[in-house]
Structures are given as structure tokens and as C-alpha cells.
C-alpha atoms as a PDB file:
ATOM      1  CA  MET A   1       6.527 -25.139 -34.578  1.00  0.00           C
ATOM      2  CA  LEU A   2       7.674 -21.794 -33.769  1.00  0.00           C
ATOM      3  CA  SER A   3       4.618 -20.257 -34.592  1.00  0.00           C
ATOM      4  CA  ASP A   4       2.806 -22.883 -32.429  1.00  0.00           C
ATOM      5  CA  TYR A   5       4.913 -22.047 -29.191  1.00  0.00           C
ATOM      6  CA  LYS A   6       3.998 -18.027 -29.991  1.00  0.00           C
ATOM      7  CA  ASN A   7       0.112 -19.258 -30.273  1.00  0.00           C
ATOM      8  CA  MET A   8       0.672 -20.907 -26.746  1.00  0.00           C
ATOM      9  CA  TYR A   9       2.117 -18.349 -25.378  1.00  0.00           C
ATOM     10  CA  LYS A  10      -0.276 -15.676 -26.412  1.00  0.00           C
ATOM     11  CA  LYS A  11      -3.367 -18.128 -25.487  1.00  0.00           C
ATOM     12  CA  ILE A  12      -1.921 -18.031 -21.982  1.00  0.00           C
ATOM     13  CA  ILE A  13      -1.056 -14.771 -21.747  1.00  0.00           C
ATOM     14  CA  ASN A  14      -4.803 -13.654 -22.415  1.00  0.00           C
ATOM     15  CA  TYR A  15      -5.709 -16.493 -20.533  1.00  0.00           C
ATOM     16  CA  LEU A  16      -4.151 -15.249 -17.245  1.00  0.00           C
ATOM     17  CA  TYR A  17      -4.952 -11.741 -17.886  1.00  0.00           C
ATOM     18  CA  SER A  18      -8.892 -12.532 -17.924  1.00  0.00           C
ATOM     19  CA  CYS A  19      -8.526 -14.540 -14.750  1.00  0.00           C
ATOM     20  CA  ALA A  20      -9.429 -12.172 -11.886  1.00  0.00           C
ATOM     21  CA  PRO A  21      -8.252 -14.478  -8.836  1.00  0.00           C
ATOM     22  CA  ILE A  22      -4.886 -14.994 -10.647  1.00  0.00           C
ATOM     23  CA  LEU A  23      -4.290 -11.286 -11.263  1.00  0.00           C
ATOM     24  CA  LEU A  24      -5.432 -10.303  -7.620  1.00  0.00           C
ATOM     25  CA  ILE A  25      -3.337 -12.992  -5.765  1.00  0.00           C
ATOM     26  CA  LEU A  26      -0.539 -12.145  -7.829  1.00  0.00           C
ATOM     27  CA  THR A  27      -1.037  -8.440  -6.712  1.00  0.00           C
ATOM     28  CA  THR A  28      -1.392  -8.894  -3.043  1.00  0.00           C
ATOM     29  CA  MET A  29       1.733 -11.209  -3.417  1.00  0.00           C
ATOM     30  CA  GLY A  30       3.517  -8.413  -4.941  1.00  0.00           C
ATOM     31  CA  TRP A  31       2.029  -5.994  -2.200  1.00  0.00           C
ATOM     32  CA  GLY A  32       3.006  -8.162   0.436  1.00  0.00           C
ATOM     33  CA  THR A  33       6.973  -8.423  -0.709  1.00  0.00           C
ATOM     34  CA  ASN A  34       6.748  -4.823   0.107  1.00  0.00           C
ATOM     35  CA  THR A  35       7.037  -5.128   3.670  1.00  0.00           C
ATOM     36  CA  ILE A  36      10.274  -7.287   2.875  1.00  0.00           C
ATOM     37  CA  VAL A  37      12.246  -4.369   0.680  1.00  0.00           C
ATOM     38  CA  ALA A  38      11.273  -1.962   3.547  1.00  0.00           C
ATOM     39  CA  LYS A  39      12.860  -4.227   6.169  1.00  0.00           C
ATOM     40  CA  VAL A  40      16.397  -5.279   3.897  1.00  0.00           C
ATOM     41  CA  SER A  41      16.540  -1.844   2.439  1.00  0.00           C
ATOM     42  CA  VAL A  42      17.826  -0.460   6.081  1.00  0.00           C
ATOM     43  CA  ASN A  43      21.456   0.355   5.747  1.00  0.00           C
ATOM     44  CA  GLN A  44      21.042  -0.299   2.274  1.00  0.00           C
ATOM     45  CA  VAL A  45      19.559   2.913   0.513  1.00  0.00           C
ATOM     46  CA  SER A  46      17.767   5.873   3.021  1.00  0.00           C
ATOM     47  CA  PRO A  47      13.893   6.176   3.643  1.00  0.00           C
ATOM     48  CA  MET A  48      13.215   9.683   1.900  1.00  0.00           C
ATOM     49  CA  MET A  49      15.741   8.295  -1.162  1.00  0.00           C
ATOM     50  CA  ILE A  50      14.048   5.088  -1.885  1.00  0.00           C
ATOM     51  CA  VAL A  51      10.309   7.133  -2.093  1.00  0.00           C
ATOM     52  CA  PHE A  52      11.780   9.793  -4.526  1.00  0.00           C
ATOM     53  CA  LEU A  53      13.451   7.000  -6.539  1.00  0.00           C
ATOM     54  CA  ARG A  54      10.405   4.822  -6.598  1.00  0.00           C
ATOM     55  CA  TRP A  55       7.945   7.684  -7.715  1.00  0.00           C
ATOM     56  CA  PHE A  56      10.649   9.434  -9.660  1.00  0.00           C
ATOM     57  CA  LEU A  57      11.279   6.482 -11.999  1.00  0.00           C
ATOM     58  CA  LEU A  58       7.537   5.111 -12.218  1.00  0.00           C
ATOM     59  CA  SER A  59       6.532   8.446 -13.219  1.00  0.00           C
ATOM     60  CA  ILE A  60       9.167   8.215 -15.893  1.00  0.00           C
ATOM     61  CA  ILE A  61       7.410   4.935 -17.130  1.00  0.00           C
ATOM     62  CA  LEU A  62       4.139   5.999 -16.949  1.00  0.00           C
ATOM     63  CA  LEU A  63       3.906   9.069 -18.565  1.00  0.00           C
ATOM     64  CA  TYR A  64       6.239   7.433 -21.255  1.00  0.00           C
ATOM     65  CA  LEU A  65       3.265   5.019 -21.539  1.00  0.00           C
ATOM     66  CA  GLN A  66       0.503   7.551 -20.942  1.00  0.00           C
ATOM     67  CA  LYS A  67       2.147  10.220 -23.363  1.00  0.00           C
ATOM     68  CA  ASP A  68      -0.880  10.205 -26.110  1.00  0.00           C
ATOM     69  CA  ASN A  69      -3.081  11.128 -23.403  1.00  0.00           C
ATOM     70  CA  LEU A  70      -1.786  13.773 -21.398  1.00  0.00           C
ATOM     71  CA  LYS A  71      -2.704  16.580 -23.767  1.00  0.00           C
ATOM     72  CA  ALA A  72      -6.292  15.664 -23.373  1.00  0.00           C
ATOM     73  CA  VAL A  73      -6.572  15.489 -19.478  1.00  0.00           C
ATOM     74  CA  MET A  74      -4.565  18.629 -19.102  1.00  0.00           C
ATOM     75  CA  PRO A  75      -7.356  21.030 -18.327  1.00  0.00           C
ATOM     76  CA  THR A  76      -8.616  18.519 -15.942  1.00  0.00           C
ATOM     77  CA  ILE A  77      -5.334  17.940 -14.244  1.00  0.00           C
ATOM     78  CA  LYS A  78      -4.958  21.869 -14.221  1.00  0.00           C
ATOM     79  CA  SER A  79      -8.482  22.499 -12.610  1.00  0.00           C
ATOM     80  CA  ARG A  80      -7.849  19.878  -9.985  1.00  0.00           C
ATOM     81  CA  ILE A  81      -4.295  20.561  -8.940  1.00  0.00           C
ATOM     82  CA  LEU A  82      -4.908  20.818  -5.145  1.00  0.00           C
ATOM     83  CA  TRP A  83      -6.352  17.238  -5.554  1.00  0.00           C
ATOM     84  CA  PHE A  84      -3.458  15.783  -6.939  1.00  0.00           C
ATOM     85  CA  LEU A  85      -0.964  17.622  -4.693  1.00  0.00           C
ATOM     86  CA  LEU A  86      -2.953  16.231  -1.738  1.00  0.00           C
ATOM     87  CA  MET A  87      -3.244  12.577  -2.832  1.00  0.00           C
ATOM     88  CA  GLY A  88       0.112  12.460  -4.378  1.00  0.00           C
ATOM     89  CA  GLY A  89       1.939  14.148  -1.620  1.00  0.00           C
ATOM     90  CA  VAL A  90      -0.072  13.909   1.503  1.00  0.00           C
ATOM     91  CA  GLY A  91      -1.397  10.475   0.819  1.00  0.00           C
ATOM     92  CA  ILE A  92       0.890   8.440  -1.317  1.00  0.00           C
ATOM     93  CA  CYS A  93       4.443   9.848  -0.630  1.00  0.00           C
ATOM     94  CA  SER A  94       3.414  10.225   3.442  1.00  0.00           C
ATOM     95  CA  PHE A  95       2.339   7.157   3.884  1.00  0.00           C
ATOM     96  CA  ASN A  96       5.543   5.716   1.747  1.00  0.00           C
ATOM     97  CA  SER A  97       8.006   7.885   3.910  1.00  0.00           C
ATOM     98  CA  LEU A  98       6.711   6.699   7.076  1.00  0.00           C
ATOM     99  CA  PHE A  99       6.386   3.226   5.810  1.00  0.00           C
ATOM    100  CA  TYR A 100      10.046   3.213   5.470  1.00  0.00           C
ATOM    101  CA  ILE A 101      10.872   5.068   8.248  1.00  0.00           C
ATOM    102  CA  ALA A 102       8.885   2.646  10.435  1.00  0.00           C
ATOM    103  CA  ALA A 103      11.009  -0.420   8.797  1.00  0.00           C
ATOM    104  CA  TYR A 104      14.016   0.663  11.031  1.00  0.00           C
ATOM    105  CA  TYR A 105      12.109   0.109  14.083  1.00  0.00           C
ATOM    106  CA  THR A 106       9.708  -3.034  13.902  1.00  0.00           C
ATOM    107  CA  THR A 107       9.601  -6.079  11.511  1.00  0.00           C
ATOM    108  CA  ALA A 108       7.944  -6.977   8.364  1.00  0.00           C
ATOM    109  CA  ILE A 109       5.124  -9.244  10.007  1.00  0.00           C
ATOM    110  CA  ASN A 110       4.007  -5.922  12.087  1.00  0.00           C
ATOM    111  CA  LEU A 111       4.368  -3.944   9.182  1.00  0.00           C
ATOM    112  CA  GLY A 112       1.856  -6.169   7.074  1.00  0.00           C
ATOM    113  CA  VAL A 113      -0.487  -6.797   9.945  1.00  0.00           C
ATOM    114  CA  ILE A 114      -0.883  -2.866  10.833  1.00  0.00           C
ATOM    115  CA  GLN A 115      -1.650  -2.275   7.378  1.00  0.00           C
ATOM    116  CA  SER A 116      -4.346  -4.645   7.415  1.00  0.00           C
ATOM    117  CA  SER A 117      -6.149  -1.925   9.521  1.00  0.00           C
ATOM    118  CA  GLN A 118      -6.506   0.179   6.845  1.00  0.00           C
ATOM    119  CA  PRO A 119     -10.459  -0.457   6.210  1.00  0.00           C
ATOM    120  CA  ALA A 120     -10.946   0.392   9.374  1.00  0.00           C
ATOM    121  CA  LEU A 121      -9.381   3.791   9.406  1.00  0.00           C
ATOM    122  CA  VAL A 122     -11.005   4.186   6.248  1.00  0.00           C
ATOM    123  CA  ILE A 123     -14.448   3.934   8.051  1.00  0.00           C
ATOM    124  CA  ILE A 124     -13.552   6.355  11.074  1.00  0.00           C
ATOM    125  CA  LEU A 125     -12.232   9.405   8.745  1.00  0.00           C
ATOM    126  CA  SER A 126     -15.441   8.984   6.428  1.00  0.00           C
ATOM    127  CA  TYR A 127     -17.513   9.246   9.378  1.00  0.00           C
ATOM    128  CA  PHE A 128     -15.630  12.318  10.368  1.00  0.00           C
ATOM    129  CA  LEU A 129     -15.251  14.029   6.861  1.00  0.00           C
ATOM    130  CA  PHE A 130     -18.405  13.146   5.736  1.00  0.00           C
ATOM    131  CA  LYS A 131     -20.411  12.020   8.584  1.00  0.00           C
ATOM    132  CA  SER A 132     -20.900   8.507   6.872  1.00  0.00           C
ATOM    133  CA  LYS A 133     -22.815   6.489   9.513  1.00  0.00           C
ATOM    134  CA  ILE A 134     -21.457   3.377  11.302  1.00  0.00           C
ATOM    135  CA  ASN A 135     -24.103   1.100  12.228  1.00  0.00           C
ATOM    136  CA  PHE A 136     -23.373  -1.565  14.574  1.00  0.00           C
ATOM    137  CA  THR A 137     -21.942  -4.356  12.849  1.00  0.00           C
ATOM    138  CA  GLN A 138     -19.305  -1.858  11.242  1.00  0.00           C
ATOM    139  CA  PHE A 139     -18.759  -0.731  15.099  1.00  0.00           C
ATOM    140  CA  THR A 140     -18.276  -4.300  16.516  1.00  0.00           C
ATOM    141  CA  GLY A 141     -15.772  -4.811  13.176  1.00  0.00           C
ATOM    142  CA  LEU A 142     -13.907  -1.732  14.231  1.00  0.00           C
ATOM    143  CA  LEU A 143     -13.054  -2.779  17.855  1.00  0.00           C
ATOM    144  CA  PHE A 144     -11.834  -6.323  16.706  1.00  0.00           C
ATOM    145  CA  THR A 145      -9.667  -4.731  14.003  1.00  0.00           C
ATOM    146  CA  PHE A 146      -8.577  -2.210  16.610  1.00  0.00           C
ATOM    147  CA  LEU A 147      -7.646  -5.496  18.933  1.00  0.00           C
ATOM    148  CA  GLY A 148      -6.181  -6.753  16.405  1.00  0.00           C
ATOM    149  CA  VAL A 149      -3.368  -3.544  16.001  1.00  0.00           C
ATOM    150  CA  LEU A 150      -2.940  -3.806  19.980  1.00  0.00           C
ATOM    151  CA  PHE A 151      -2.201  -7.171  20.079  1.00  0.00           C
ATOM    152  CA  VAL A 152       0.953  -6.524  17.597  1.00  0.00           C
ATOM    153  CA  VAL A 153       2.023  -3.004  18.815  1.00  0.00           C
ATOM    154  CA  SER A 154       2.220  -4.466  22.490  1.00  0.00           C
ATOM    155  CA  GLY A 155       3.795  -7.692  21.600  1.00  0.00           C
ATOM    156  CA  GLY A 156       0.866  -9.363  22.945  1.00  0.00           C
ATOM    157  CA  GLN A 157       1.096  -7.449  26.274  1.00  0.00           C
ATOM    158  CA  LEU A 158      -1.788  -5.462  26.255  1.00  0.00           C
ATOM    159  CA  ASP A 159      -0.938  -4.510  30.042  1.00  0.00           C
ATOM    160  CA  LEU A 160       1.774  -2.193  27.823  1.00  0.00           C
ATOM    161  CA  ILE A 161      -0.634  -0.321  26.422  1.00  0.00           C
ATOM    162  CA  LEU A 162      -1.609   1.344  29.757  1.00  0.00           C
ATOM    163  CA  ASN A 163       1.714   1.661  30.649  1.00  0.00           C
ATOM    164  CA  LEU A 164       2.489   3.985  26.925  1.00  0.00           C
ATOM    165  CA  SER A 165       5.242   1.308  26.509  1.00  0.00           C
ATOM    166  CA  MET A 166       4.866   0.498  22.660  1.00  0.00           C
ATOM    167  CA  ASN A 167       7.231  -0.202  19.833  1.00  0.00           C
ATOM    168  CA  PHE A 168       8.166   2.992  17.877  1.00  0.00           C
ATOM    169  CA  GLY A 169       8.313   1.701  14.544  1.00  0.00           C
ATOM    170  CA  ASP A 170       4.594   0.261  14.987  1.00  0.00           C
ATOM    171  CA  LEU A 171       3.287   3.858  16.285  1.00  0.00           C
ATOM    172  CA  ILE A 172       4.786   5.355  12.819  1.00  0.00           C
ATOM    173  CA  MET A 173       3.411   2.767  10.574  1.00  0.00           C
ATOM    174  CA  ILE A 174      -0.097   3.273  12.323  1.00  0.00           C
ATOM    175  CA  SER A 175       0.440   6.857  11.259  1.00  0.00           C
ATOM    176  CA  ALA A 176       1.050   5.663   8.025  1.00  0.00           C
ATOM    177  CA  CYS A 177      -2.025   3.929   7.741  1.00  0.00           C
ATOM    178  CA  ILE A 178      -3.819   7.028   8.382  1.00  0.00           C
ATOM    179  CA  PHE A 179      -2.364   8.918   5.692  1.00  0.00           C
ATOM    180  CA  TYR A 180      -3.326   6.067   3.497  1.00  0.00           C
ATOM    181  CA  ALA A 181      -6.835   5.620   4.514  1.00  0.00           C
ATOM    182  CA  GLY A 182      -6.974   9.683   3.708  1.00  0.00           C
ATOM    183  CA  TYR A 183      -5.944   8.889   0.112  1.00  0.00           C
ATOM    184  CA  THR A 184      -8.170   5.933   0.095  1.00  0.00           C
ATOM    185  CA  VAL A 185     -11.108   8.334   1.204  1.00  0.00           C
ATOM    186  CA  GLY A 186     -10.254  11.440  -0.819  1.00  0.00           C
ATOM    187  CA  MET A 187     -10.262   9.194  -4.231  1.00  0.00           C
ATOM    188  CA  GLN A 188     -14.023   8.733  -3.941  1.00  0.00           C
ATOM    189  CA  SER A 189     -13.614  12.363  -5.309  1.00  0.00           C
ATOM    190  CA  ARG A 190     -11.100  11.623  -7.904  1.00  0.00           C
ATOM    191  CA  PRO A 191     -11.477  13.237 -11.432  1.00  0.00           C
ATOM    192  CA  LYS A 192     -13.427  11.012 -14.121  1.00  0.00           C
ATOM    193  CA  ILE A 193     -10.144  10.360 -16.196  1.00  0.00           C
ATOM    194  CA  ASN A 194      -8.732   6.567 -17.022  1.00  0.00           C
ATOM    195  CA  GLU A 195      -7.360   5.056 -14.079  1.00  0.00           C
ATOM    196  CA  LEU A 196      -4.275   4.560 -15.383  1.00  0.00           C
ATOM    197  CA  THR A 197      -3.849   8.111 -16.821  1.00  0.00           C
ATOM    198  CA  LEU A 198      -4.660   9.342 -13.032  1.00  0.00           C
ATOM    199  CA  PHE A 199      -2.260   7.579 -11.237  1.00  0.00           C
ATOM    200  CA  THR A 200       0.245   8.644 -13.228  1.00  0.00           C
ATOM    201  CA  PHE A 201      -0.235  12.124 -12.138  1.00  0.00           C
ATOM    202  CA  ILE A 202      -0.797  11.049  -8.399  1.00  0.00           C
ATOM    203  CA  SER A 203       2.533   9.005  -9.040  1.00  0.00           C
ATOM    204  CA  PHE A 204       4.229  12.519 -10.827  1.00  0.00           C
ATOM    205  CA  PHE A 205       2.917  14.456  -7.627  1.00  0.00           C
ATOM    206  CA  ALA A 206       4.067  12.105  -5.125  1.00  0.00           C
ATOM    207  CA  CYS A 207       7.611  12.138  -6.575  1.00  0.00           C
ATOM    208  CA  LEU A 208       7.286  15.815  -6.516  1.00  0.00           C
ATOM    209  CA  ALA A 209       6.104  15.956  -2.873  1.00  0.00           C
ATOM    210  CA  SER A 210       9.290  13.655  -2.107  1.00  0.00           C
ATOM    211  CA  ILE A 211      12.158  16.271  -3.445  1.00  0.00           C
ATOM    212  CA  PRO A 212      11.221  18.595   0.151  1.00  0.00           C
ATOM    213  CA  MET A 213      11.371  15.575   2.488  1.00  0.00           C
ATOM    214  CA  LEU A 214      14.792  14.067   0.577  1.00  0.00           C
ATOM    215  CA  ILE A 215      16.393  17.673   1.201  1.00  0.00           C
ATOM    216  CA  ILE A 216      15.241  17.403   5.092  1.00  0.00           C
ATOM    217  CA  GLU A 217      17.032  13.756   5.113  1.00  0.00           C
ATOM    218  CA  ILE A 218      20.027  15.515   3.566  1.00  0.00           C
ATOM    219  CA  SER A 219      20.426  18.412   5.635  1.00  0.00           C
ATOM    220  CA  LEU A 220      19.776  16.020   8.683  1.00  0.00           C
ATOM    221  CA  GLY A 221      22.977  13.821   7.807  1.00  0.00           C
ATOM    222  CA  LYS A 222      20.937  10.745   7.541  1.00  0.00           C
ATOM    223  CA  PHE A 223      21.248  10.694   3.868  1.00  0.00           C
ATOM    224  CA  LEU A 224      22.459   7.035   2.182  1.00  0.00           C
ATOM    225  CA  MET A 225      22.834   6.474  -2.057  1.00  0.00           C
ATOM    226  CA  PRO A 226      22.017   3.036  -2.945  1.00  0.00           C
ATOM    227  CA  SER A 227      24.338   0.499  -2.480  1.00  0.00           C
ATOM    228  CA  LEU A 228      24.717  -1.711  -5.707  1.00  0.00           C
ATOM    229  CA  PHE A 229      21.677  -4.057  -3.827  1.00  0.00           C
ATOM    230  CA  GLY A 230      19.851  -1.140  -2.691  1.00  0.00           C
ATOM    231  CA  TRP A 231      19.455  -0.152  -6.225  1.00  0.00           C
ATOM    232  CA  LEU A 232      18.022  -3.812  -7.300  1.00  0.00           C
ATOM    233  CA  LEU A 233      15.646  -2.950  -4.251  1.00  0.00           C
ATOM    234  CA  VAL A 234      14.803   0.335  -5.831  1.00  0.00           C
ATOM    235  CA  PHE A 235      13.950  -1.087  -9.378  1.00  0.00           C
ATOM    236  CA  TYR A 236      12.135  -3.898  -7.538  1.00  0.00           C
ATOM    237  CA  VAL A 237       9.879  -1.882  -5.572  1.00  0.00           C
ATOM    238  CA  THR A 238       9.489   0.435  -8.642  1.00  0.00           C
ATOM    239  CA  LEU A 239       8.367  -2.182 -11.052  1.00  0.00           C
ATOM    240  CA  VAL A 240       6.428  -4.737  -9.060  1.00  0.00           C
ATOM    241  CA  PRO A 241       4.656  -3.258  -5.914  1.00  0.00           C
ATOM    242  CA  SER A 242       4.448  -0.098  -7.744  1.00  0.00           C
ATOM    243  CA  PHE A 243       3.488  -0.664 -11.462  1.00  0.00           C
ATOM    244  CA  ILE A 244       2.810  -4.699 -12.215  1.00  0.00           C
ATOM    245  CA  SER A 245       0.676  -4.953  -8.925  1.00  0.00           C
ATOM    246  CA  GLN A 246      -1.470  -1.629  -9.882  1.00  0.00           C
ATOM    247  CA  ILE A 247      -1.923  -2.908 -13.389  1.00  0.00           C
ATOM    248  CA  PHE A 248      -2.904  -6.640 -12.492  1.00  0.00           C
ATOM    249  CA  TYR A 249      -5.550  -4.620  -9.492  1.00  0.00           C
ATOM    250  CA  MET A 250      -7.184  -2.540 -12.147  1.00  0.00           C
ATOM    251  CA  ARG A 251      -7.234  -4.973 -14.139  1.00  0.00           C
ATOM    252  CA  GLY A 252      -8.990  -7.115 -11.511  1.00  0.00           C
ATOM    253  CA  ILE A 253     -11.727  -4.348 -10.568  1.00  0.00           C
ATOM    254  CA  ASP A 254     -12.450  -4.165 -14.591  1.00  0.00           C
ATOM    255  CA  LEU A 255     -12.870  -7.978 -14.483  1.00  0.00           C
ATOM    256  CA  LEU A 256     -15.022  -8.204 -10.985  1.00  0.00           C
ATOM    257  CA  GLY A 257     -15.793  -4.898  -9.564  1.00  0.00           C
ATOM    258  CA  ALA A 258     -14.332  -2.355  -6.923  1.00  0.00           C
ATOM    259  CA  ASN A 259     -15.846  -4.458  -3.675  1.00  0.00           C
ATOM    260  CA  LYS A 260     -14.908  -8.315  -4.846  1.00  0.00           C
ATOM    261  CA  ALA A 261     -11.353  -7.153  -5.866  1.00  0.00           C
ATOM    262  CA  GLY A 262     -10.847  -5.509  -2.783  1.00  0.00           C
ATOM    263  CA  LEU A 263     -11.512  -8.462  -0.230  1.00  0.00           C
ATOM    264  CA  TYR A 264      -8.082  -9.920  -2.237  1.00  0.00           C
ATOM    265  CA  THR A 265      -6.456  -7.186  -0.244  1.00  0.00           C
ATOM    266  CA  ASN A 266      -6.952  -8.918   2.717  1.00  0.00           C
ATOM    267  CA  LEU A 267      -4.014 -11.485   1.785  1.00  0.00           C
ATOM    268  CA  VAL A 268      -1.717  -8.344   1.989  1.00  0.00           C
ATOM    269  CA  PRO A 269      -0.718  -9.120   5.412  1.00  0.00           C
ATOM    270  CA  VAL A 270      -0.644 -13.398   4.956  1.00  0.00           C
ATOM    271  CA  PHE A 271       1.877 -12.754   1.981  1.00  0.00           C
ATOM    272  CA  ALA A 272       3.877 -10.620   4.127  1.00  0.00           C
ATOM    273  CA  ALA A 273       4.303 -12.985   7.175  1.00  0.00           C
ATOM    274  CA  ILE A 274       5.186 -15.893   5.078  1.00  0.00           C
ATOM    275  CA  PHE A 275       7.587 -14.016   2.840  1.00  0.00           C
ATOM    276  CA  ALA A 276       9.070 -12.344   6.117  1.00  0.00           C
ATOM    277  CA  ILE A 277       9.339 -15.948   7.524  1.00  0.00           C
ATOM    278  CA  THR A 278      10.975 -17.764   4.013  1.00  0.00           C
ATOM    279  CA  PHE A 279      13.428 -14.883   3.214  1.00  0.00           C
ATOM    280  CA  ILE A 280      14.370 -12.961   5.925  1.00  0.00           C
ATOM    281  CA  GLY A 281      14.183 -15.752   9.133  1.00  0.00           C
ATOM    282  CA  GLU A 282      11.507 -13.365  10.905  1.00  0.00           C
ATOM    283  CA  LYS A 283       9.286 -15.541  13.533  1.00  0.00           C
ATOM    284  CA  ILE A 284       5.665 -15.113  13.924  1.00  0.00           C
ATOM    285  CA  HIS A 285       4.211 -15.546  17.276  1.00  0.00           C
ATOM    286  CA  PHE A 286       0.956 -16.565  18.938  1.00  0.00           C
ATOM    287  CA  TYR A 287      -0.434 -12.898  19.228  1.00  0.00           C
ATOM    288  CA  HIS A 288       0.598 -12.003  15.453  1.00  0.00           C
ATOM    289  CA  LEU A 289      -2.093 -14.980  14.816  1.00  0.00           C
ATOM    290  CA  LEU A 290      -4.402 -13.575  17.169  1.00  0.00           C
ATOM    291  CA  ALA A 291      -3.760 -10.066  15.536  1.00  0.00           C
ATOM    292  CA  LEU A 292      -4.949 -11.800  11.978  1.00  0.00           C
ATOM    293  CA  ILE A 293      -7.758 -13.205  12.928  1.00  0.00           C
ATOM    294  CA  SER A 294      -9.044 -10.258  15.179  1.00  0.00           C
ATOM    295  CA  VAL A 295      -8.187  -8.181  12.284  1.00  0.00           C
ATOM    296  CA  PHE A 296      -9.808 -10.628   9.371  1.00  0.00           C
ATOM    297  CA  PHE A 297     -13.068 -11.056  11.946  1.00  0.00           C
ATOM    298  CA  GLY A 298     -13.878  -7.300  11.404  1.00  0.00           C
ATOM    299  CA  ILE A 299     -12.890  -6.898   7.960  1.00  0.00           C
ATOM    300  CA  TYR A 300     -15.694  -9.578   7.413  1.00  0.00           C
ATOM    301  CA  LEU A 301     -17.955  -7.803   9.636  1.00  0.00           C
ATOM    302  CA  PHE A 302     -17.345  -5.012   7.472  1.00  0.00           C
ATOM    303  CA  GLN A 303     -18.160  -6.640   4.296  1.00  0.00           C
ATOM    304  CA  LYS A 304     -21.279  -7.975   5.599  1.00  0.00           C
ATOM    305  CA  SER A 305     -22.345  -4.956   6.601  1.00  0.00           C
ATOM    306  CA  LYS A 306     -22.593  -3.447   3.138  1.00  0.00           C
ATOM    307  CA  ASN A 307     -24.667  -6.349   2.401  1.00  0.00           C
ATOM    308  CA  ILE A 308     -27.328  -5.295   5.017  1.00  0.00           C
END
């Protein structure tokens, strides 16, 4: 009887790990909860502390899992040390730091909606850094995406943009997304090593880069050690959005390819909004819906342009 349950359990696990839609939906649900963690971590653990602990703990987990592969890739790591510093430090660490700071000043729903503008920022950075061409369809997509972001940062009152009266947290989140877009663009020139090994070293350098920022936080008197609930948030954000979601996303890419798997990331702001309403009682406004429609239509135009 016990062996039958074990066989059934293995079949279920094998099925789930081979079903890309389920894996990618779980991935985006995990990433969607990150906005909730950012919001409820306020007054439970300081921003730089959660960033440091998140990448420190994840680095330990990944380095242990990848211990047999480390020696073989060290020559590659040493030859691309500057790239890893930029990706881990400027990309991952800066994004996360600004993300958690933004949570002090804006809502989880706003964080999720603004984060959905990253595909547009990637196109813009690619244009300036690599002279990538922007066709008319992509340009139209950019306009709709940024219109959606403007709906959010102005609270649905676009005249506030003209008066430069915008939510400080939303502006910080836009800055965070610019850093992550830079990380995404930089990944185009990534070293040709195993994806999980690559992520291991990016996490390690993100941890290193967070140390100076943590020292600055301490010197400014903003440092806050995690409460008991804060430690639960740290462990959750380490295991779910950072580790499990990343593993599932890599598996989804293996099964579907990067382009199709990437489409599922559009669900992140949707889940972020659902979780924010359900678990922390935030209210969704009509301008949020307009923003999501505008951003999603912009992303649809980006995807359509790839097929032209």
C-alpha cells in the first residue's frame, strides 16, 4: 500500500515538473507575493537588511547545491568578474533595495503594476545601448505601457503629472525597474554556463553588493533587525520568490522556450493585485484597471512586433 502511494506521488511530481503552464503560473504567483512581502515587511525588518539576508541565505543554498560544479566554472567567473558585479550588484541588488524602500511609500498593487512596465524599459535600454531598432508597433506599445504607468503614479489624475505631484514610492519603483531592465539587457551577454550555476554567482555578488548598502543604512540609524514575523518573511522571500520560482521559471523555459515562457510574467501584476486585495486589504481603483489594460495592450504589441 505504501509503495502504491509513493508511485502515485512520483507520478504526480513528474507530471507537474513536465507541465510548463502549471510551473509558470506557480512561478508568477510566487513573484506576485513578493510585493505583499515588501509591503508587510515595513516595520518588521529594514529594507537593506531583508535584501542582505535574502541573498545571503540564497547564496548558501545555491553554493551547496552547485558545489560539484564550482571548480569547473571558476576560470569563466574570473574572466567575467566585472559582468557579475554589474549583474548582481547594479542589477539585482539595486532593484531589490529600491523595491523594498518603495514599499514604505506606495501600495503593493502599484508596485505590481509599475513592475509590469519592464518590457518597455528593456526595449528603450536596448535602443540606447545597442542601437536596437524600434519599429512603429513597438513604439505604439511603449506609449500604451507608459500611459498605464502614468495612470498609476498620478492616481488616475493625469494633471498631477504636469504639476510634478506624484507618489514618491511610485517614482522609486520606476527607478528600481530601470535597474532591473538593465539587468535583463545585460543578460544577453551572459557567460555560457549552466543557468543555475549562473544564478548562483549572481546571487553571491548581489549579497556582496548589499553589504555596503546595509552599512549605510546602519550609519543613518534606519537599521532594523527582523522581528519574529520579519524572519518568517525573510525565509519566505528566500525560498519562494527567489529560489523555487526561479527554478520553476528555468524549467518552464526548458519546456516552452524563452519567448513563450516570458509571456507568463505578465501575470505577476495580476496576482500581486489579487493577493494585495485578499491578504492585506488594499483597494483596487478604476485607474488600476485602466493601467493594467493599457500596459497589457502595450506588451501585446511588443509580442506582435516579434512576429512581424
